[in-house]
Structure formats: structure tokens, C-alpha cells
């Protein structure tokens, strides 16, 4: 169906390419364009939205920068999937000065349980009545050593069927599993960072002494429509690693 746009003149004006970007995001959210599939060409989208090809290109450029879309030379533009190498670990911001960089060697699932949500979890996930959250606890190994302890909270109504057994049987990144089994793509996240001392239970899992300084990262990750879909609390060893970020 052809959609045409006219520049907005209200106080909420946004550039035309931003409006095209929102329309493309809507198509992704509704499943019209699925993860890993090619989207229509810039020329086809320009006709569809009745705008210039340059406007469409600018919208796609921004979505590509955000790893929502991926350009492939000579093949077209594809919807990003968490199985893509450049997308898979884009939220893992740990870096090192050691030769070879950070090598994620394995993740060890400690537990996967259904819990009653906190008030904050209930609010963020818009849970009702007796609806639960799923809590995954795991240890991530970097360069063959335990380096990260995480607690990951998910809305159970969306992730119904996510179990300890499924996490062990599927040999894929966690976000890839969310995408393949539950149709959830995580696009961006907000984070809070602070320094903490390692509690005894985490110290045992990370094979360090209780009280060792750790970097605490609390994250809320969002899918399409700015809908919160994951709360993650991570404790990071930083003896050999640091947190890397780029500011524009």
C-alpha cells in the first residue's frame, strides 16, 4: 500500500527522512520485513512513500548505523539479525589492551527460574495480576576465564517456554535465541554504571575474593516501539578489561 508524506508544520516537526525511518520501523515491528530478509530497494521505497530516493537513503543509512538494517554490497539491504557477527555482541562493551582483543569463550547458565516481579519490573514490563518474570543467572567467560556474572529478567508472558533445558540445548547467543524462538529483537539499551564490591556468592562464581572491586552495569533493553523487554544486571571483572563507549 502506498503511503505518502507531507512535511509536518507543527511544533513536533521532524525531518522527512526521520518520518520515513519511523515508517520502516513500523514495518519491522509488524513483521512485514522479517529478520534476515531483504527489504525493498531504495527506488521501490521512494515510490511507496512518495518521497525522493535520497530521503529513503538517509533513513536507511541511519538504521544501518544503528544495526537495525545491514547493507550488503551488490545484494541489497537486509533486516539485521542477532545471528549476524556485527550485531551479535554489539551490547558487549568490554575491551582489552591485550593482543587479540576480548574473546568470548563460553557462557555457563547457573539457573533459570520463574519469579514474582518487583514493582519496578511489573511497571516496566506492564505485567498484570499474577504474571511472572523469568530470571536467568549466568557466568560469561572471556578468554577462558570467568569475567562476568549476570542476572537477566524477562517478562514471562512473552518468553513462555524459556527453560533451563532450552538454554542448554540451543547452542546460540542469547539474543539469537530470543529472536529465533520468541520473535523478540532487542534494538537499544539504557545503562547505569557504578563501582561495587563483589558479594560472596558472586565472588565464588567468578573465582575471586569477596570484596574485590567490580563494575556494575544495570541495563534495560528495548524492542520496537520503545518497549522494555529485558532488565539485566551484570557484574564485571575489570582487572584485564575496561568498558568501551563512543560518544557523538
Protein backbone atom coordinates (compact mmCIF):
# COMPACT_ATOMS: atom_id res chain seq x y z
CA UNK A 1 0.00 0.00 0.00
CA UNK A 2 1.37 3.39 -1.00
CA UNK A 3 1.97 5.83 1.81
CA UNK A 4 2.61 9.49 1.10
CA UNK A 5 4.03 12.02 3.49
CA UNK A 6 3.80 15.75 3.76
CA UNK A 7 6.24 17.70 5.91
CA UNK A 8 4.79 18.43 9.33
CA UNK A 9 4.34 22.06 10.29
CA UNK A 10 3.51 21.63 13.99
CA UNK A 11 5.87 22.13 16.91
CA UNK A 12 6.60 18.40 16.77
CA UNK A 13 8.11 18.71 13.27
CA UNK A 14 10.67 16.07 12.36
CA UNK A 15 12.71 15.87 9.15
CA UNK A 16 11.16 13.88 6.34
CA UNK A 17 13.82 11.16 6.46
CA UNK A 18 13.04 10.67 10.17
CA UNK A 19 9.39 10.10 9.26
CA UNK A 20 10.46 7.51 6.67
CA UNK A 21 12.64 5.87 9.30
CA UNK A 22 9.62 5.58 11.61
CA UNK A 23 7.54 4.03 8.84
CA UNK A 24 10.28 1.48 8.17
CA UNK A 25 10.45 0.67 11.88
CA UNK A 26 6.69 0.15 11.86
CA UNK A 27 7.08 -2.33 9.00
CA UNK A 28 9.75 -4.16 11.00
CA UNK A 29 7.63 -4.17 14.15
CA UNK A 30 4.60 -5.64 12.36
CA UNK A 31 6.74 -8.36 10.79
CA UNK A 32 6.33 -7.18 7.21
CA UNK A 33 10.14 -7.27 6.94
CA UNK A 34 11.49 -10.21 8.93
CA UNK A 35 14.99 -10.69 10.45
CA UNK A 36 17.47 -11.77 7.82
CA UNK A 37 15.22 -10.85 4.87
CA UNK A 38 15.98 -8.28 2.19
CA UNK A 39 13.86 -5.12 2.19
CA UNK A 40 12.62 -3.38 -0.99
CA UNK A 41 15.15 -1.27 -2.89
CA UNK A 42 15.54 2.45 -2.24
CA UNK A 43 13.79 3.16 -5.51
CA UNK A 44 10.83 0.93 -4.60
CA UNK A 45 10.56 2.52 -1.15
CA UNK A 46 10.73 6.01 -2.66
CA UNK A 47 7.73 5.17 -4.86
CA UNK A 48 5.90 3.55 -1.97
CA UNK A 49 6.32 6.56 0.35
CA UNK A 50 6.21 9.16 -2.47
CA UNK A 51 9.48 10.80 -1.45
CA UNK A 52 12.88 11.15 -3.09
CA UNK A 53 15.33 8.27 -3.22
CA UNK A 54 17.83 10.43 -1.30
CA UNK A 55 15.35 10.77 1.58
CA UNK A 56 14.93 7.00 1.72
CA UNK A 57 18.70 6.50 1.58
CA UNK A 58 19.23 8.84 4.54
CA UNK A 59 16.65 6.91 6.60
CA UNK A 60 18.29 3.59 5.71
CA UNK A 61 21.75 5.00 6.48
CA UNK A 62 20.61 5.87 10.00
CA UNK A 63 19.02 2.46 10.55
CA UNK A 64 22.21 0.83 9.27
CA UNK A 65 24.32 2.86 11.71
CA UNK A 66 22.05 1.62 14.49
CA UNK A 67 22.48 -2.01 13.29
CA UNK A 68 18.76 -2.33 12.60
CA UNK A 69 19.48 -2.84 8.89
CA UNK A 70 22.60 -4.19 7.18
CA UNK A 71 23.80 -3.20 3.72
CA UNK A 72 25.44 -5.92 1.63
CA UNK A 73 27.39 -4.73 -1.36
CA UNK A 74 25.70 -5.82 -4.57
CA UNK A 75 22.96 -7.71 -2.72
CA UNK A 76 20.75 -5.06 -1.15
CA UNK A 77 19.74 -4.08 2.37
CA UNK A 78 18.72 -6.72 4.91
CA UNK A 79 16.98 -6.70 8.26
CA UNK A 80 19.64 -7.27 10.90
CA UNK A 81 19.51 -10.48 12.88
CA UNK A 82 21.24 -11.28 16.17
CA UNK A 83 22.94 -14.15 14.35
CA UNK A 84 24.99 -11.63 12.32
CA UNK A 85 28.60 -11.31 13.60
CA UNK A 86 28.50 -7.49 13.65
CA UNK A 87 25.20 -7.48 15.56
CA UNK A 88 25.63 -10.44 17.88
CA UNK A 89 27.73 -8.76 20.56
CA UNK A 90 27.07 -5.08 19.92
CA UNK A 91 25.92 -4.56 23.52
CA UNK A 92 29.06 -6.21 24.94
CA UNK A 93 31.23 -3.15 25.59
CA UNK A 94 34.15 -4.80 27.32
CA UNK A 95 37.51 -4.24 25.65
CA UNK A 96 41.13 -5.03 26.49
CA UNK A 97 44.59 -3.79 25.69
CA UNK A 98 45.80 -7.39 25.42
CA UNK A 99 46.77 -8.72 21.95
CA UNK A 100 43.88 -10.35 20.16
CA UNK A 101 41.21 -8.38 21.99
CA UNK A 102 38.32 -9.81 24.00
CA UNK A 103 37.45 -13.41 23.19
CA UNK A 104 34.11 -14.61 24.50
CA UNK A 105 34.73 -18.31 25.04
CA UNK A 106 31.56 -19.59 26.74
CA UNK A 107 28.55 -18.81 28.89
CA UNK A 108 27.58 -21.04 31.80
CA UNK A 109 23.90 -20.99 32.76
CA UNK A 110 23.59 -21.14 36.54
CA UNK A 111 19.80 -21.15 36.78
CA UNK A 112 16.56 -20.22 35.02
CA UNK A 113 13.52 -19.67 37.24
CA UNK A 114 10.11 -18.02 37.28
CA UNK A 115 9.85 -15.34 39.99
CA UNK A 116 7.36 -12.83 41.25
CA UNK A 117 8.29 -9.44 39.74
CA UNK A 118 9.41 -6.44 41.73
CA UNK A 119 7.26 -3.33 41.47
CA UNK A 120 9.77 -1.83 39.01
CA UNK A 121 9.79 -4.96 36.84
CA UNK A 122 6.00 -5.09 36.89
CA UNK A 123 5.82 -1.45 35.80
CA UNK A 124 8.45 -1.71 33.04
CA UNK A 125 7.08 -4.95 31.59
CA UNK A 126 3.44 -3.90 32.09
CA UNK A 127 2.67 -7.15 33.87
CA UNK A 128 -0.80 -7.80 35.23
CA UNK A 129 -2.14 -9.79 38.16
CA UNK A 130 -0.01 -12.83 38.97
CA UNK A 131 2.16 -12.67 35.83
CA UNK A 132 5.79 -13.61 36.47
CA UNK A 133 9.27 -12.76 35.29
CA UNK A 134 11.88 -15.27 34.13
CA UNK A 135 15.28 -14.84 35.80
CA UNK A 136 18.37 -16.25 34.09
CA UNK A 137 21.63 -16.31 36.03
CA UNK A 138 24.81 -16.98 34.12
CA UNK A 139 28.58 -16.57 34.12
CA UNK A 140 30.29 -15.38 30.96
CA UNK A 141 33.87 -16.44 30.32
CA UNK A 142 36.21 -14.13 28.43
CA UNK A 143 39.49 -15.56 27.16
CA UNK A 144 38.79 -18.80 29.06
CA UNK A 145 38.32 -17.15 32.47
CA UNK A 146 35.09 -16.24 34.33
CA UNK A 147 34.72 -12.48 33.95
CA UNK A 148 31.02 -11.52 34.06
CA UNK A 149 28.12 -12.53 36.30
CA UNK A 150 24.66 -11.62 35.01
CA UNK A 151 21.07 -11.73 36.20
CA UNK A 152 18.65 -11.34 33.28
CA UNK A 153 14.96 -10.64 33.88
CA UNK A 154 12.35 -11.16 31.15
CA UNK A 155 8.53 -10.89 31.02
CA UNK A 156 7.24 -14.47 31.25
CA UNK A 157 4.14 -13.87 29.05
CA UNK A 158 6.45 -13.02 26.13
CA UNK A 159 9.07 -15.69 26.87
CA UNK A 160 6.72 -18.53 27.83
CA UNK A 161 8.57 -21.81 27.36
CA UNK A 162 12.04 -20.41 28.09
CA UNK A 163 13.59 -23.01 30.39
CA UNK A 164 16.96 -24.13 31.73
CA UNK A 165 16.77 -27.11 29.35
CA UNK A 166 16.14 -24.89 26.30
CA UNK A 167 19.06 -22.63 27.19
CA UNK A 168 21.33 -25.67 27.39
CA UNK A 169 20.09 -27.37 24.25
CA UNK A 170 20.30 -24.36 21.92
CA UNK A 171 23.89 -23.52 21.03
CA UNK A 172 23.37 -19.91 20.01
CA UNK A 173 23.82 -16.43 21.54
CA UNK A 174 21.07 -15.49 23.99
CA UNK A 175 19.72 -12.66 21.83
CA UNK A 176 19.72 -15.01 18.85
CA UNK A 177 17.61 -17.44 20.87
CA UNK A 178 15.21 -14.64 21.83
CA UNK A 179 14.84 -13.79 18.15
CA UNK A 180 14.50 -17.34 16.80
CA UNK A 181 12.22 -18.81 19.47
CA UNK A 182 10.23 -15.83 20.73
CA UNK A 183 10.31 -13.29 17.88
CA UNK A 184 11.97 -10.65 20.06
CA UNK A 185 14.65 -8.34 18.65
CA UNK A 186 16.44 -6.03 21.03
CA UNK A 187 17.46 -2.77 19.38
CA UNK A 188 18.91 -0.50 22.03
CA UNK A 189 19.53 -0.25 25.74
CA UNK A 190 19.94 2.23 28.57
CA UNK A 191 22.67 1.52 31.11
CA UNK A 192 23.72 2.64 34.59
CA UNK A 193 27.32 2.05 35.67
CA UNK A 194 28.76 2.10 39.17
CA UNK A 195 31.58 0.50 41.16
CA UNK A 196 30.69 -2.18 43.74
CA UNK A 197 32.42 -4.80 45.88
CA UNK A 198 31.95 -8.46 44.97
CA UNK A 199 29.41 -10.21 47.23
CA UNK A 200 30.35 -13.67 48.48
CA UNK A 201 28.09 -15.67 46.13
CA UNK A 202 29.29 -13.81 43.02
CA UNK A 203 32.91 -14.00 44.17
CA UNK A 204 32.67 -17.80 44.23
CA UNK A 205 31.30 -17.92 40.69
CA UNK A 206 33.95 -15.53 39.35
CA UNK A 207 36.70 -17.33 41.31
CA UNK A 208 37.82 -14.17 43.12
CA UNK A 209 37.92 -12.99 46.72
CA UNK A 210 34.88 -11.44 48.34
CA UNK A 211 35.05 -7.65 48.23
CA UNK A 212 37.12 -7.37 45.04
CA UNK A 213 36.04 -4.23 43.08
CA UNK A 214 33.66 -4.95 40.19
CA UNK A 215 31.96 -2.81 37.57
CA UNK A 216 28.18 -2.99 37.95
CA UNK A 217 26.14 -2.41 34.78
CA UNK A 218 22.36 -2.28 35.03
CA UNK A 219 20.64 -2.38 31.64
CA UNK A 220 17.14 -2.02 30.28
CA UNK A 221 16.90 -3.26 26.67
CA UNK A 222 14.13 -2.24 24.28
CA UNK A 223 12.49 -3.77 21.24
CA UNK A 224 10.42 -1.98 18.58
CA UNK A 225 8.13 0.77 19.81
CA UNK A 226 10.48 1.54 22.72
CA UNK A 227 9.00 -1.40 24.63
CA UNK A 228 11.20 -2.66 27.52
CA UNK A 229 11.85 -6.37 27.07
CA UNK A 230 14.86 -7.15 29.27
CA UNK A 231 16.34 -5.98 32.57
CA UNK A 232 19.93 -7.11 33.02
CA UNK A 233 22.24 -6.70 36.00
CA UNK A 234 25.88 -7.51 35.30
CA UNK A 235 28.99 -7.56 37.49
CA UNK A 236 32.23 -7.28 35.51
CA UNK A 237 35.84 -8.01 36.43
CA UNK A 238 37.96 -5.15 35.10
CA UNK A 239 41.47 -6.25 36.03
CA UNK A 240 42.16 -7.09 32.38
CA UNK A 241 39.21 -5.28 30.75
CA UNK A 242 37.64 -1.86 30.51
CA UNK A 243 34.26 -0.51 29.42
CA UNK A 244 34.37 0.99 25.92
CA UNK A 245 31.94 3.55 24.56
CA UNK A 246 31.73 6.07 21.70
CA UNK A 247 30.07 9.46 22.15
CA UNK A 248 28.80 11.53 19.22
